[in-house]
C-alpha atoms as a PDB file:
ATOM      1  CA  MET A   1     158.961  73.791 119.031  1.00  0.00           C
ATOM      2  CA  THR A   2     155.574  72.118 118.509  1.00  0.00           C
ATOM      3  CA  GLU A   3     154.690  72.697 122.169  1.00  0.00           C
ATOM      4  CA  VAL A   4     155.494  76.406 121.800  1.00  0.00           C
ATOM      5  CA  LEU A   5     153.192  76.521 118.778  1.00  0.00           C
ATOM      6  CA  LEU A   6     150.482  74.749 120.771  1.00  0.00           C
ATOM      7  CA  ILE A   7     150.804  77.252 123.621  1.00  0.00           C
ATOM      8  CA  GLY A   8     150.443  80.146 121.188  1.00  0.00           C
ATOM      9  CA  LEU A   9     147.377  78.560 119.610  1.00  0.00           C
ATOM     10  CA  ARG A  10     145.852  77.986 123.054  1.00  0.00           C
ATOM     11  CA  VAL A  11     146.276  81.668 123.897  1.00  0.00           C
ATOM     12  CA  ILE A  12     144.657  82.680 120.599  1.00  0.00           C
ATOM     13  CA  GLN A  13     141.732  80.326 121.259  1.00  0.00           C
ATOM     14  CA  TYR A  14     141.206  81.707 124.766  1.00  0.00           C
ATOM     15  CA  ALA A  15     141.312  85.318 123.565  1.00  0.00           C
ATOM     16  CA  ALA A  16     139.003  84.674 120.602  1.00  0.00           C
ATOM     17  CA  ALA A  17     136.550  82.750 122.783  1.00  0.00           C
ATOM     18  CA  ALA A  18     136.507  85.693 125.206  1.00  0.00           C
ATOM     19  CA  MET A  19     135.292  87.930 122.370  1.00  0.00           C
ATOM     20  CA  VAL A  20     132.744  85.378 121.110  1.00  0.00           C
ATOM     21  CA  LEU A  21     131.240  85.023 124.604  1.00  0.00           C
ATOM     22  CA  GLY A  22     132.102  88.277 126.342  1.00  0.00           C
ATOM     23  CA  VAL A  23     131.099  90.789 123.669  1.00  0.00           C
ATOM     24  CA  PRO A  24     127.557  89.424 123.059  1.00  0.00           C
ATOM     25  CA  ALA A  25     127.038  89.100 126.821  1.00  0.00           C
ATOM     26  CA  PHE A  26     128.275  92.675 127.263  1.00  0.00           C
ATOM     27  CA  MET A  27     125.879  93.975 124.610  1.00  0.00           C
ATOM     28  CA  LEU A  28     122.962  92.261 126.365  1.00  0.00           C
ATOM     29  CA  TYR A  29     123.583  93.217 129.989  1.00  0.00           C
ATOM     30  CA  SER A  30     124.697  96.732 128.944  1.00  0.00           C
ATOM     31  CA  HIS A  31     121.704  97.180 126.654  1.00  0.00           C
ATOM     32  CA  ALA A  32     120.543 100.422 128.273  1.00  0.00           C
ATOM     33  CA  ALA A  33     124.004 102.009 128.154  1.00  0.00           C
ATOM     34  CA  MET A  34     124.542 100.870 124.552  1.00  0.00           C
ATOM     35  CA  ALA A  35     121.167 102.125 123.305  1.00  0.00           C
ATOM     36  CA  GLY A  36     122.688 105.168 121.586  1.00  0.00           C
ATOM     37  CA  VAL A  37     125.801 103.440 120.233  1.00  0.00           C
ATOM     38  CA  ARG A  38     125.782 101.789 116.817  1.00  0.00           C
ATOM     39  CA  PRO A  39     126.539  98.063 117.301  1.00  0.00           C
ATOM     40  CA  ARG A  40     128.506  97.509 114.078  1.00  0.00           C
ATOM     41  CA  TRP A  41     131.861  97.563 115.886  1.00  0.00           C
ATOM     42  CA  ALA A  42     130.683  94.771 118.214  1.00  0.00           C
ATOM     43  CA  GLU A  43     129.366  92.727 115.296  1.00  0.00           C
ATOM     44  CA  ILE A  44     132.677  93.020 113.437  1.00  0.00           C
ATOM     45  CA  LEU A  45     134.663  92.144 116.571  1.00  0.00           C
ATOM     46  CA  THR A  46     132.519  89.071 117.224  1.00  0.00           C
ATOM     47  CA  LEU A  47     132.631  87.932 113.593  1.00  0.00           C
ATOM     48  CA  SER A  48     136.418  88.289 113.452  1.00  0.00           C
ATOM     49  CA  ALA A  49     136.860  86.466 116.754  1.00  0.00           C
ATOM     50  CA  ALA A  50     134.699  83.547 115.597  1.00  0.00           C
ATOM     51  CA  ALA A  51     136.755  83.198 112.402  1.00  0.00           C
ATOM     52  CA  VAL A  52     140.040  83.319 114.341  1.00  0.00           C
ATOM     53  CA  LEU A  53     138.739  80.787 116.862  1.00  0.00           C
ATOM     54  CA  LEU A  54     137.768  78.364 114.101  1.00  0.00           C
ATOM     55  CA  VAL A  55     141.181  78.514 112.400  1.00  0.00           C
ATOM     56  CA  ALA A  56     143.124  78.408 115.683  1.00  0.00           C
ATOM     57  CA  THR A  57     141.133  75.426 116.966  1.00  0.00           C
ATOM     58  CA  LEU A  58     141.764  73.367 113.835  1.00  0.00           C
ATOM     59  CA  ALA A  59     145.449  74.300 113.901  1.00  0.00           C
ATOM     60  CA  ALA A  60     145.642  73.413 117.600  1.00  0.00           C
ATOM     61  CA  LEU A  61     144.111  70.008 116.899  1.00  0.00           C
ATOM     62  CA  VAL A  62     146.940  69.298 114.461  1.00  0.00           C
ATOM     63  CA  ALA A  63     149.558  70.678 116.852  1.00  0.00           C
ATOM     64  CA  GLN A  64     148.167  68.632 119.753  1.00  0.00           C
ATOM     65  CA  THR A  65     148.229  65.535 117.567  1.00  0.00           C
ATOM     66  CA  ALA A  66     151.861  66.302 116.678  1.00  0.00           C
ATOM     67  CA  VAL A  67     152.755  66.493 120.379  1.00  0.00           C
ATOM     68  CA  MET A  68     151.055  63.159 121.012  1.00  0.00           C
ATOM     69  CA  ALA A  69     152.409  61.456 117.866  1.00  0.00           C
ATOM     70  CA  GLY A  70     155.928  62.856 118.118  1.00  0.00           C
ATOM     71  CA  SER A  71     156.114  64.794 114.857  1.00  0.00           C
ATOM     72  CA  MET A  72     154.124  67.117 112.625  1.00  0.00           C
ATOM     73  CA  ALA A  73     154.601  64.738 109.674  1.00  0.00           C
ATOM     74  CA  GLU A  74     152.826  62.006 111.628  1.00  0.00           C
ATOM     75  CA  ALA A  75     150.131  64.389 112.852  1.00  0.00           C
ATOM     76  CA  VAL A  76     148.864  65.305 109.393  1.00  0.00           C
ATOM     77  CA  LYS A  77     148.259  61.681 108.436  1.00  0.00           C
ATOM     78  CA  PRO A  78     144.496  61.010 108.242  1.00  0.00           C
ATOM     79  CA  GLU A  79     144.748  57.835 110.314  1.00  0.00           C
ATOM     80  CA  THR A  80     146.602  59.624 113.129  1.00  0.00           C
ATOM     81  CA  LEU A  81     144.200  62.556 113.187  1.00  0.00           C
ATOM     82  CA  GLY A  82     141.282  60.152 113.004  1.00  0.00           C
ATOM     83  CA  PHE A  83     142.533  58.226 116.022  1.00  0.00           C
ATOM     84  CA  VAL A  84     142.961  61.388 118.116  1.00  0.00           C
ATOM     85  CA  ILE A  85     139.516  62.681 117.130  1.00  0.00           C
ATOM     86  CA  SER A  86     137.617  59.436 117.632  1.00  0.00           C
ATOM     87  CA  GLY A  87     139.718  57.769 120.298  1.00  0.00           C
ATOM     88  CA  THR A  88     140.468  60.575 122.781  1.00  0.00           C
ATOM     89  CA  GLY A  89     138.318  63.021 124.700  1.00  0.00           C
ATOM     90  CA  LEU A  90     140.878  65.703 123.932  1.00  0.00           C
ATOM     91  CA  GLY A  91     140.443  65.334 120.185  1.00  0.00           C
ATOM     92  CA  ALA A  92     136.660  65.216 120.462  1.00  0.00           C
ATOM     93  CA  ALA A  93     136.697  68.463 122.460  1.00  0.00           C
ATOM     94  CA  TYR A  94     138.679  70.193 119.709  1.00  0.00           C
ATOM     95  CA  VAL A  95     136.209  69.014 117.055  1.00  0.00           C
ATOM     96  CA  VAL A  96     133.220  70.177 119.098  1.00  0.00           C
ATOM     97  CA  ARG A  97     134.883  73.562 119.673  1.00  0.00           C
ATOM     98  CA  ALA A  98     135.606  73.935 115.956  1.00  0.00           C
ATOM     99  CA  ALA A  99     131.998  73.072 115.082  1.00  0.00           C
ATOM    100  CA  LEU A 100     130.699  75.601 117.608  1.00  0.00           C
ATOM    101  CA  ALA A 101     133.098  78.245 116.288  1.00  0.00           C
ATOM    102  CA  LEU A 102     131.803  77.602 112.776  1.00  0.00           C
ATOM    103  CA  LEU A 103     128.229  77.962 114.049  1.00  0.00           C
ATOM    104  CA  ALA A 104     129.140  81.246 115.758  1.00  0.00           C
ATOM    105  CA  LEU A 105     130.757  82.471 112.535  1.00  0.00           C
ATOM    106  CA  LEU A 106     127.660  81.639 110.481  1.00  0.00           C
ATOM    107  CA  LEU A 107     125.400  83.344 113.021  1.00  0.00           C
ATOM    108  CA  ALA A 108     127.612  86.442 112.985  1.00  0.00           C
ATOM    109  CA  LEU A 109     127.405  86.522 109.188  1.00  0.00           C
ATOM    110  CA  ALA A 110     123.625  86.073 109.060  1.00  0.00           C
ATOM    111  CA  LEU A 111     122.257  87.998 112.041  1.00  0.00           C
ATOM    112  CA  ARG A 112     122.490  91.506 113.481  1.00  0.00           C
ATOM    113  CA  GLY A 113     121.889  93.308 116.763  1.00  0.00           C
ATOM    114  CA  ASP A 114     120.104  91.770 119.720  1.00  0.00           C
ATOM    115  CA  VAL A 115     119.053  88.714 117.703  1.00  0.00           C
ATOM    116  CA  LEU A 116     122.727  87.955 117.093  1.00  0.00           C
ATOM    117  CA  TRP A 117     123.724  88.477 120.730  1.00  0.00           C
ATOM    118  CA  ARG A 118     120.989  86.173 122.024  1.00  0.00           C
ATOM    119  CA  SER A 119     121.700  83.521 119.401  1.00  0.00           C
ATOM    120  CA  LEU A 120     125.403  83.434 120.248  1.00  0.00           C
ATOM    121  CA  ILE A 121     125.093  82.919 124.004  1.00  0.00           C
ATOM    122  CA  VAL A 122     124.476  79.143 123.986  1.00  0.00           C
ATOM    123  CA  PRO A 123     127.218  78.176 121.485  1.00  0.00           C
ATOM    124  CA  ALA A 124     129.612  80.617 123.166  1.00  0.00           C
ATOM    125  CA  VAL A 125     128.947  79.092 126.594  1.00  0.00           C
ATOM    126  CA  LEU A 126     129.560  75.628 125.142  1.00  0.00           C
ATOM    127  CA  ILE A 127     132.812  76.869 123.578  1.00  0.00           C
ATOM    128  CA  ALA A 128     133.973  78.084 126.994  1.00  0.00           C
ATOM    129  CA  ALA A 129     132.956  74.765 128.561  1.00  0.00           C
ATOM    130  CA  SER A 130     134.966  72.831 125.967  1.00  0.00           C
ATOM    131  CA  PHE A 131     138.207  74.237 127.395  1.00  0.00           C
ATOM    132  CA  ALA A 132     137.686  72.127 130.520  1.00  0.00           C
ATOM    133  CA  TRP A 133     138.169  68.987 128.409  1.00  0.00           C
ATOM    134  CA  THR A 134     141.449  70.225 126.895  1.00  0.00           C
ATOM    135  CA  GLY A 135     142.975  71.178 130.244  1.00  0.00           C
ATOM    136  CA  HIS A 136     143.720  69.474 133.553  1.00  0.00           C
ATOM    137  CA  GLY A 137     140.001  69.146 134.272  1.00  0.00           C
ATOM    138  CA  GLY A 138     139.633  66.637 131.472  1.00  0.00           C
ATOM    139  CA  ALA A 139     142.413  64.460 132.921  1.00  0.00           C
ATOM    140  CA  THR A 140     141.151  64.276 136.507  1.00  0.00           C
ATOM    141  CA  GLU A 141     139.877  60.879 137.608  1.00  0.00           C
ATOM    142  CA  GLY A 142     138.132  59.498 140.647  1.00  0.00           C
ATOM    143  CA  ALA A 143     135.742  61.265 142.997  1.00  0.00           C
ATOM    144  CA  TRP A 144     136.941  64.734 142.038  1.00  0.00           C
ATOM    145  CA  ARG A 145     136.471  64.279 138.271  1.00  0.00           C
ATOM    146  CA  TRP A 146     133.072  65.940 137.908  1.00  0.00           C
ATOM    147  CA  PRO A 147     133.530  68.612 140.620  1.00  0.00           C
ATOM    148  CA  HIS A 148     136.825  69.578 138.972  1.00  0.00           C
ATOM    149  CA  LEU A 149     135.257  69.685 135.502  1.00  0.00           C
ATOM    150  CA  ALA A 150     132.383  71.806 136.812  1.00  0.00           C
ATOM    151  CA  ALA A 151     134.802  74.189 138.540  1.00  0.00           C
ATOM    152  CA  ASP A 152     136.895  74.439 135.363  1.00  0.00           C
ATOM    153  CA  ILE A 153     133.811  75.236 133.279  1.00  0.00           C
ATOM    154  CA  VAL A 154     132.506  78.026 135.508  1.00  0.00           C
ATOM    155  CA  HIS A 155     136.066  79.342 135.920  1.00  0.00           C
ATOM    156  CA  ALA A 156     136.412  79.618 132.136  1.00  0.00           C
ATOM    157  CA  LEU A 157     132.971  81.214 131.774  1.00  0.00           C
ATOM    158  CA  ALA A 158     133.691  83.906 134.361  1.00  0.00           C
ATOM    159  CA  ALA A 159     137.148  84.664 132.979  1.00  0.00           C
ATOM    160  CA  LEU A 160     136.043  84.882 129.345  1.00  0.00           C
ATOM    161  CA  ILE A 161     133.019  87.060 130.151  1.00  0.00           C
ATOM    162  CA  TRP A 162     135.275  89.481 132.056  1.00  0.00           C
ATOM    163  CA  ILE A 163     138.029  89.625 129.433  1.00  0.00           C
ATOM    164  CA  GLY A 164     135.496  89.887 126.610  1.00  0.00           C
ATOM    165  CA  ALA A 165     133.879  92.838 128.376  1.00  0.00           C
ATOM    166  CA  LEU A 166     137.295  94.459 128.694  1.00  0.00           C
ATOM    167  CA  ALA A 167     137.760  94.135 124.926  1.00  0.00           C
ATOM    168  CA  ALA A 168     134.448  95.959 124.450  1.00  0.00           C
ATOM    169  CA  PHE A 169     135.490  98.658 126.917  1.00  0.00           C
ATOM    170  CA  VAL A 170     138.817  99.159 125.139  1.00  0.00           C
ATOM    171  CA  VAL A 171     137.088  99.574 121.770  1.00  0.00           C
ATOM    172  CA  LEU A 172     134.521 101.987 123.225  1.00  0.00           C
ATOM    173  CA  ALA A 173     137.271 104.039 124.849  1.00  0.00           C
ATOM    174  CA  ARG A 174     139.126 104.328 121.525  1.00  0.00           C
ATOM    175  CA  ARG A 175     136.094 105.586 119.591  1.00  0.00           C
ATOM    176  CA  ARG A 176     135.956 109.279 118.733  1.00  0.00           C
ATOM    177  CA  HIS A 177     134.500 111.132 121.712  1.00  0.00           C
ATOM    178  CA  GLY A 178     131.052 112.490 120.982  1.00  0.00           C
ATOM    179  CA  ALA A 179     130.647 110.689 117.647  1.00  0.00           C
ATOM    180  CA  ASP A 180     127.738 108.576 118.847  1.00  0.00           C
ATOM    181  CA  GLY A 181     127.643 109.038 122.592  1.00  0.00           C
ATOM    182  CA  SER A 182     130.284 106.362 123.116  1.00  0.00           C
ATOM    183  CA  ALA A 183     132.075 108.210 125.949  1.00  0.00           C
ATOM    184  CA  GLU A 184     128.849 108.563 127.928  1.00  0.00           C
ATOM    185  CA  ALA A 185     127.980 104.951 127.131  1.00  0.00           C
ATOM    186  CA  LEU A 186     131.438 103.869 128.295  1.00  0.00           C
ATOM    187  CA  ALA A 187     130.993 105.540 131.679  1.00  0.00           C
ATOM    188  CA  ALA A 188     127.497 104.088 132.125  1.00  0.00           C
ATOM    189  CA  ALA A 189     128.606 100.620 131.039  1.00  0.00           C
ATOM    190  CA  LEU A 190     131.553 100.640 133.450  1.00  0.00           C
ATOM    191  CA  VAL A 191     129.237 101.476 136.334  1.00  0.00           C
ATOM    192  CA  GLY A 192     126.722  98.894 135.151  1.00  0.00           C
ATOM    193  CA  PHE A 193     129.426  96.233 134.860  1.00  0.00           C
ATOM    194  CA  ALA A 194     130.033  96.371 138.626  1.00  0.00           C
ATOM    195  CA  ASN A 195     127.512  93.630 139.472  1.00  0.00           C
ATOM    196  CA  VAL A 196     128.628  91.366 136.627  1.00  0.00           C
ATOM    197  CA  GLY A 197     132.254  91.941 137.549  1.00  0.00           C
ATOM    198  CA  ALA A 198     131.628  91.212 141.228  1.00  0.00           C
ATOM    199  CA  VAL A 199     129.939  87.914 140.356  1.00  0.00           C
ATOM    200  CA  ALA A 200     132.795  87.044 137.983  1.00  0.00           C
ATOM    201  CA  VAL A 201     135.402  87.691 140.685  1.00  0.00           C
ATOM    202  CA  ALA A 202     133.477  85.621 143.248  1.00  0.00           C
ATOM    203  CA  VAL A 203     133.096  82.722 140.786  1.00  0.00           C
ATOM    204  CA  LEU A 204     136.779  82.898 139.832  1.00  0.00           C
ATOM    205  CA  VAL A 205     137.874  82.801 143.469  1.00  0.00           C
ATOM    206  CA  LEU A 206     135.570  79.946 144.503  1.00  0.00           C
ATOM    207  CA  SER A 207     136.204  77.798 141.424  1.00  0.00           C
ATOM    208  CA  GLY A 208     139.913  78.591 141.682  1.00  0.00           C
ATOM    209  CA  LEU A 209     139.946  77.204 145.224  1.00  0.00           C
ATOM    210  CA  VAL A 210     138.388  73.961 144.003  1.00  0.00           C
ATOM    211  CA  ASN A 211     140.950  73.726 141.202  1.00  0.00           C
ATOM    212  CA  ALA A 212     143.792  74.438 143.625  1.00  0.00           C
ATOM    213  CA  TRP A 213     142.559  71.715 145.983  1.00  0.00           C
ATOM    214  CA  VAL A 214     142.617  69.169 143.161  1.00  0.00           C
ATOM    215  CA  LEU A 215     145.780  70.291 141.354  1.00  0.00           C
ATOM    216  CA  VAL A 216     147.885  71.243 144.383  1.00  0.00           C
ATOM    217  CA  GLY A 217     146.267  69.570 147.367  1.00  0.00           C
ATOM    218  CA  PRO A 218     147.381  69.834 150.991  1.00  0.00           C
ATOM    219  CA  ASP A 219     150.391  67.596 150.365  1.00  0.00           C
ATOM    220  CA  GLY A 220     151.679  69.716 147.505  1.00  0.00           C
ATOM    221  CA  LEU A 221     151.178  73.100 149.139  1.00  0.00           C
ATOM    222  CA  GLN A 222     154.750  73.447 150.374  1.00  0.00           C
ATOM    223  CA  ALA A 223     156.287  72.111 147.169  1.00  0.00           C
ATOM    224  CA  ALA A 224     154.155  74.256 144.837  1.00  0.00           C
ATOM    225  CA  PRO A 225     156.323  77.432 145.022  1.00  0.00           C
ATOM    226  CA  ARG A 226     159.318  75.376 143.869  1.00  0.00           C
ATOM    227  CA  THR A 227     157.630  74.019 140.740  1.00  0.00           C
ATOM    228  CA  PRO A 228     157.219  75.807 137.383  1.00  0.00           C
ATOM    229  CA  TRP A 229     153.451  75.313 137.630  1.00  0.00           C
ATOM    230  CA  GLY A 230     153.384  76.881 141.090  1.00  0.00           C
ATOM    231  CA  LEU A 231     155.448  79.885 139.981  1.00  0.00           C
ATOM    232  CA  LEU A 232     153.113  80.461 137.052  1.00  0.00           C
ATOM    233  CA  LEU A 233     150.141  80.217 139.416  1.00  0.00           C
ATOM    234  CA  ALA A 234     151.679  82.923 141.606  1.00  0.00           C
ATOM    235  CA  ALA A 235     152.153  85.141 138.544  1.00  0.00           C
ATOM    236  CA  LYS A 236     148.552  84.486 137.495  1.00  0.00           C
ATOM    237  CA  LEU A 237     147.258  85.457 140.938  1.00  0.00           C
ATOM    238  CA  ALA A 238     149.319  88.661 140.852  1.00  0.00           C
ATOM    239  CA  ALA A 239     147.884  89.589 137.442  1.00  0.00           C
ATOM    240  CA  PHE A 240     144.383  88.767 138.686  1.00  0.00           C
ATOM    241  CA  ALA A 241     144.880  91.016 141.711  1.00  0.00           C
ATOM    242  CA  GLY A 242     145.984  93.825 139.391  1.00  0.00           C
ATOM    243  CA  MET A 243     142.845  93.371 137.284  1.00  0.00           C
ATOM    244  CA  VAL A 244     140.605  93.538 140.345  1.00  0.00           C
ATOM    245  CA  THR A 245     142.379  96.687 141.557  1.00  0.00           C
ATOM    246  CA  LEU A 246     141.928  98.413 138.202  1.00  0.00           C
ATOM    247  CA  ALA A 247     138.281  97.306 137.991  1.00  0.00           C
ATOM    248  CA  VAL A 248     137.603  98.943 141.349  1.00  0.00           C
ATOM    249  CA  LEU A 249     139.426 102.098 140.193  1.00  0.00           C
ATOM    250  CA  HIS A 250     137.320 102.240 137.028  1.00  0.00           C
ATOM    251  CA  ARG A 251     134.030 101.699 138.814  1.00  0.00           C
ATOM    252  CA  TYR A 252     134.442 104.054 141.746  1.00  0.00           C
ATOM    253  CA  ARG A 253     136.734 106.788 140.485  1.00  0.00           C
ATOM    254  CA  LEU A 254     137.388 107.071 136.755  1.00  0.00           C
ATOM    255  CA  ALA A 255     133.900 106.236 135.417  1.00  0.00           C
ATOM    256  CA  PRO A 256     132.086 108.685 137.740  1.00  0.00           C
ATOM    257  CA  ARG A 257     134.596 111.420 136.865  1.00  0.00           C
ATOM    258  CA  LEU A 258     134.106 110.820 133.150  1.00  0.00           C
ATOM    259  CA  SER A 259     130.338 110.860 133.544  1.00  0.00           C
ATOM    260  CA  ALA A 260     130.415 114.160 135.451  1.00  0.00           C
ATOM    261  CA  ALA A 261     133.032 115.879 133.268  1.00  0.00           C
ATOM    262  CA  GLY A 262     130.729 116.886 130.399  1.00  0.00           C
ATOM    263  CA  ALA A 263     132.565 118.950 127.780  1.00  0.00           C
ATOM    264  CA  SER A 264     135.889 118.646 129.664  1.00  0.00           C
ATOM    265  CA  ALA A 265     135.897 114.837 129.568  1.00  0.00           C
ATOM    266  CA  ALA A 266     138.950 114.455 127.300  1.00  0.00           C
ATOM    267  CA  PRO A 267     141.619 114.118 130.058  1.00  0.00           C
ATOM    268  CA  HIS A 268     139.486 111.626 131.996  1.00  0.00           C
ATOM    269  CA  LEU A 269     138.808 109.632 128.836  1.00  0.00           C
ATOM    270  CA  ALA A 270     142.520 109.548 127.999  1.00  0.00           C
ATOM    271  CA  ARG A 271     143.379 108.175 131.437  1.00  0.00           C
ATOM    272  CA  LEU A 272     140.579 105.643 131.212  1.00  0.00           C
ATOM    273  CA  ARG A 273     141.895 104.470 127.856  1.00  0.00           C
ATOM    274  CA  ARG A 274     145.295 103.779 129.398  1.00  0.00           C
ATOM    275  CA  THR A 275     144.040 101.948 132.483  1.00  0.00           C
ATOM    276  CA  LEU A 276     141.532  99.877 130.509  1.00  0.00           C
ATOM    277  CA  ALA A 277     144.334  98.874 128.127  1.00  0.00           C
ATOM    278  CA  VAL A 278     146.452  97.818 131.113  1.00  0.00           C
ATOM    279  CA  GLU A 279     143.608  95.770 132.611  1.00  0.00           C
ATOM    280  CA  PHE A 280     142.973  94.098 129.250  1.00  0.00           C
ATOM    281  CA  ALA A 281     146.703  93.392 128.861  1.00  0.00           C
ATOM    282  CA  LEU A 282     146.734  91.775 132.314  1.00  0.00           C
ATOM    283  CA  GLY A 283     143.798  89.632 131.192  1.00  0.00           C
ATOM    284  CA  LEU A 284     145.748  88.491 128.135  1.00  0.00           C
ATOM    285  CA  ILE A 285     148.738  87.729 130.372  1.00  0.00           C
ATOM    286  CA  VAL A 286     146.476  85.558 132.526  1.00  0.00           C
ATOM    287  CA  LEU A 287     145.344  83.679 129.404  1.00  0.00           C
ATOM    288  CA  GLY A 288     148.972  83.178 128.372  1.00  0.00           C
ATOM    289  CA  LEU A 289     149.897  81.817 131.794  1.00  0.00           C
ATOM    290  CA  VAL A 290     146.910  79.464 131.753  1.00  0.00           C
ATOM    291  CA  ALA A 291     147.946  78.221 128.309  1.00  0.00           C
ATOM    292  CA  VAL A 292     151.394  77.273 129.629  1.00  0.00           C
ATOM    293  CA  MET A 293     150.076  75.834 132.902  1.00  0.00           C
ATOM    294  CA  GLY A 294     147.748  73.529 130.974  1.00  0.00           C
ATOM    295  CA  LEU A 295     150.767  71.734 129.493  1.00  0.00           C
ATOM    296  CA  LEU A 296     152.728  71.409 132.758  1.00  0.00           C
ATOM    297  CA  PRO A 297     152.192  68.816 135.488  1.00  0.00           C
ATOM    298  CA  PRO A 298     150.592  70.368 138.602  1.00  0.00           C
ATOM    299  CA  PRO A 299     152.156  69.710 142.039  1.00  0.00           C
ATOM    300  CA  ALA A 300     149.564  67.024 142.843  1.00  0.00           C
ATOM    301  CA  ALA A 301     150.778  65.006 139.841  1.00  0.00           C
ATOM    302  CA  LEU A 302     154.463  65.086 140.831  1.00  0.00           C
END
């Protein structure tokens, strides 16, 4: 039961971190498209995500301690928590993530607009990097330790930037058409996201190959489809392929149609709302699969 709780908290952390990193990044690289759109929705989304990340990280630290100690009653003892925090890299990573989430929350409370987005980038990048130390990357030893950690970090950065951008797109698509130019901004931002999205996909593929080499390896390639970890990896790859397909559809068909529709944009906007929601849902499914995979032994460890 504690492991199920930990998986849920991992998913929440991933999703919240995607907003804390992806939304500010989106507001910066889509600055021209967002010029006519009031940024309050993005500020509220980022603030809420930072608060959720802080609470979920602290709760996950306790849940992780319970898994390691054998019971929740043991986990809440100060001496047990203190040992995990000071004596393990896993515990230290949770504390660093919580501190960074608190910093992001304070920045979101104190700052507005472009100043906020720029101020959040560094702590948000460090938050994404911290996930490498609470996954398989943090447990790798030997010659592949640092290459695997580096691959895990850039993998997390690319994934969270993409999923965070999708959250922004979903919110923009749900705003009242014509209220502040959000439909036009949505179309322009989707087109403008093409380069960022292409880089994200390339980074995810390349870093994913490094991770697969370490976690599966040539010896475990045949056995992988028969392991729970391997089956989850196949599901993750299928969801990723669906996200890429929808991203291409948005960039080359739906966004140009919305941009050219003018006063008759409502049907195109409605379809875009649905497909963006599906792509975002696939992203959340990927995060859920990663959360489970992080607690299972990969084929190379069997």
